[in-house]
Protein backbone atom coordinates (compact mmCIF):
# COMPACT_ATOMS: atom_id res chain seq x y z
CA MET A 1 0.00 0.00 0.00
CA SER A 2 1.49 3.35 -1.02
CA ASP A 3 1.88 6.25 1.38
CA SER A 4 -0.82 8.26 -0.40
CA THR A 5 -3.26 5.32 -0.14
CA ALA A 6 -2.42 4.87 3.54
CA ASP A 7 -2.90 8.63 4.12
CA PHE A 8 -6.25 8.54 2.30
CA ARG A 9 -7.46 5.56 4.34
CA GLU A 10 -6.30 7.25 7.56
CA ARG A 11 -8.21 10.45 6.65
CA ILE A 12 -11.40 8.46 5.99
CA LEU A 13 -10.92 6.50 9.23
CA ARG A 14 -10.45 9.71 11.22
CA ARG A 15 -13.44 11.36 9.50
CA HIS A 16 -15.74 8.51 10.49
CA LEU A 17 -14.45 8.43 14.06
CA LEU A 18 -15.13 12.17 14.38
CA VAL A 19 -18.52 12.04 12.66
CA GLY A 20 -19.48 8.95 14.63
CA TRP A 21 -18.57 10.19 18.09
CA TRP A 22 -19.98 13.70 17.55
CA GLY A 23 -23.10 12.22 15.96
CA LEU A 24 -23.49 9.89 18.93
CA LEU A 25 -23.25 12.86 21.29
CA LEU A 26 -25.86 14.76 19.26
CA PHE A 27 -28.39 11.94 19.02
CA LEU A 28 -27.98 10.75 22.59
CA SER A 29 -28.55 14.36 23.64
CA LEU A 30 -31.70 14.42 21.53
CA GLY A 31 -32.85 11.30 23.37
CA ILE A 32 -32.24 13.00 26.72
CA ILE A 33 -34.21 16.04 25.54
CA LEU A 34 -37.09 13.78 24.48
CA GLU A 35 -37.02 12.04 27.86
CA THR A 36 -37.06 15.46 29.53
CA LEU A 37 -40.11 16.52 27.47
CA HIS A 38 -41.75 13.27 28.55
CA GLY A 39 -40.71 13.71 32.20
CA PHE A 40 -42.15 17.22 32.40
CA LYS A 41 -45.31 16.02 30.61
CA LEU A 42 -45.08 18.77 28.01
CA GLY A 43 -48.05 18.86 25.66
CA LEU A 44 -45.81 19.76 22.74
CA TYR A 45 -44.58 16.18 22.97
CA LEU A 46 -47.19 14.16 24.87
CA ASP A 47 -50.61 15.46 23.85
CA PRO A 48 -52.56 12.85 21.84
CA ALA A 49 -52.69 15.32 18.95
CA ASN A 50 -48.87 15.18 18.85
CA LYS A 51 -48.59 11.40 18.52
CA MET A 52 -47.03 11.72 15.07
CA ARG A 53 -44.44 14.21 16.34
CA ARG A 54 -43.52 11.90 19.21
CA LEU A 55 -43.11 8.95 16.84
CA LEU A 56 -41.02 10.86 14.29
CA TRP A 57 -38.74 12.47 16.86
CA THR A 58 -38.21 9.09 18.52
CA LEU A 59 -37.35 7.63 15.10
CA SER A 60 -34.93 10.51 14.53
CA HIS A 61 -33.16 9.81 17.82
CA ALA A 62 -33.02 6.04 17.28
CA HIS A 63 -31.85 6.17 13.65
CA GLY A 64 -29.31 8.90 14.39
CA THR A 65 -27.84 6.94 17.27
CA LEU A 66 -27.59 3.75 15.22
CA LEU A 67 -26.10 5.53 12.22
CA ALA A 68 -23.53 7.30 14.41
CA LEU A 69 -22.46 3.89 15.72
CA MET A 70 -22.22 2.68 12.12
CA GLN A 71 -19.73 5.48 11.39
CA ILE A 72 -17.54 4.21 14.21
CA ALA A 73 -17.97 0.63 12.96
CA LEU A 74 -16.80 1.65 9.50
CA ALA A 75 -13.77 3.43 10.97
CA VAL A 76 -12.84 0.34 12.98
CA SER A 77 -13.37 -1.84 9.87
CA ILE A 78 -11.17 0.16 7.48
CA PRO A 79 -7.89 -1.53 8.48
CA HIS A 80 -9.54 -4.91 7.83
CA LEU A 81 -10.82 -3.91 4.39
CA ALA A 82 -7.42 -3.68 2.75
CA LYS A 83 -8.77 -4.78 -0.65
CA MET A 84 -11.37 -2.01 -0.71
CA SER A 85 -10.39 0.43 -3.45
CA GLU A 86 -10.09 4.14 -2.75
CA LYS A 87 -13.03 4.79 -5.06
CA ARG A 88 -15.27 2.29 -3.24
CA LEU A 89 -14.15 3.54 0.17
CA LYS A 90 -14.84 7.13 -0.84
CA LEU A 91 -18.34 6.21 -2.10
CA THR A 92 -19.06 4.12 1.01
CA SER A 93 -17.97 7.01 3.21
CA PHE A 94 -20.09 9.51 1.29
CA CYS A 95 -23.19 7.27 1.44
CA LEU A 96 -22.94 6.50 5.15
CA ILE A 97 -22.33 10.11 6.17
CA ASP A 98 -25.21 11.30 4.00
CA ALA A 99 -27.44 8.63 5.53
CA LEU A 100 -26.46 9.86 9.01
CA VAL A 101 -27.57 13.36 8.07
CA LEU A 102 -30.64 12.72 5.90
CA LEU A 103 -32.45 9.90 7.72
CA PRO A 104 -32.66 11.46 11.21
CA LEU A 105 -33.11 14.96 9.78
CA GLY A 106 -36.04 13.77 7.67
CA PHE A 107 -37.74 12.19 10.68
CA PHE A 108 -37.06 15.25 12.83
CA LEU A 109 -38.30 17.77 10.25
CA GLY A 110 -41.32 15.58 9.53
CA GLY A 111 -42.25 15.84 13.20
CA ILE A 112 -41.92 19.61 13.56
CA ASN A 113 -45.29 20.46 12.06
CA PRO A 114 -47.14 17.25 11.17
CA GLY A 115 -50.59 17.43 9.65
CA GLU A 116 -53.65 15.35 10.50
CA GLY A 117 -51.97 11.99 10.98
CA ASP A 118 -49.38 12.73 8.30
CA PRO A 119 -45.77 13.75 8.81
CA GLY A 120 -44.48 17.08 7.58
CA VAL A 121 -42.84 17.42 4.19
CA GLY A 122 -39.36 17.00 5.71
CA VAL A 123 -39.99 13.28 5.91
CA LEU A 124 -39.26 13.15 2.17
CA LEU A 125 -35.57 13.12 3.11
CA VAL A 126 -36.01 9.69 4.75
CA PRO A 127 -36.17 7.54 1.58
CA VAL A 128 -33.19 9.40 0.12
CA GLY A 129 -31.22 8.77 3.29
CA ALA A 130 -32.35 5.14 3.32
CA ALA A 131 -31.10 4.68 -0.25
CA PHE A 132 -27.69 6.10 0.73
CA LEU A 133 -27.66 3.78 3.73
CA LEU A 134 -28.39 0.70 1.65
CA VAL A 135 -25.71 1.54 -0.92
CA GLY A 136 -23.11 2.28 1.76
CA VAL A 137 -23.82 -0.93 3.67
CA LEU A 138 -23.84 -2.96 0.45
CA LEU A 139 -20.45 -1.60 -0.59
CA ALA A 140 -18.98 -2.30 2.85
CA ALA A 141 -20.48 -5.80 2.92
CA ILE A 142 -19.11 -6.62 -0.54
CA SER A 143 -15.67 -5.45 0.55
CA ALA A 144 -15.86 -7.42 3.80
CA THR A 145 -16.68 -10.63 1.91
CA SER A 146 -13.93 -10.18 -0.68
CA PRO A 147 -11.02 -12.57 -0.20
CA LYS A 148 -7.93 -11.05 1.35
């Protein structure tokens, strides 16, 4: 492996560690905020009319937390994916970071001002984020199953 390839892989590894740990802090904090809203019995969160908001914000917290952990998992996996080309690693990185942003953001925005039983328009980001997630995981899985 050349020095430039090693440097590239190290930059991607570091990027995913940073994004993962900061994302984990963000989405765990969101979970604490949601628990606080629940604990103080705030109508903004608990009123029956806000059931959709509660669901979407919970989905935002859960997906964000899981996707932040996936960033860390990718960073830890990079040294074991030696056969993964720079191009594939770059695309995997792009897809997983975009999924971390778009999926939870879509759920959160969809819950800000939901209509009668329907999420807000922000939820349209969710399928885009899900597509990025599937592509990123597929690329990582293919690389993990490639012979050394």
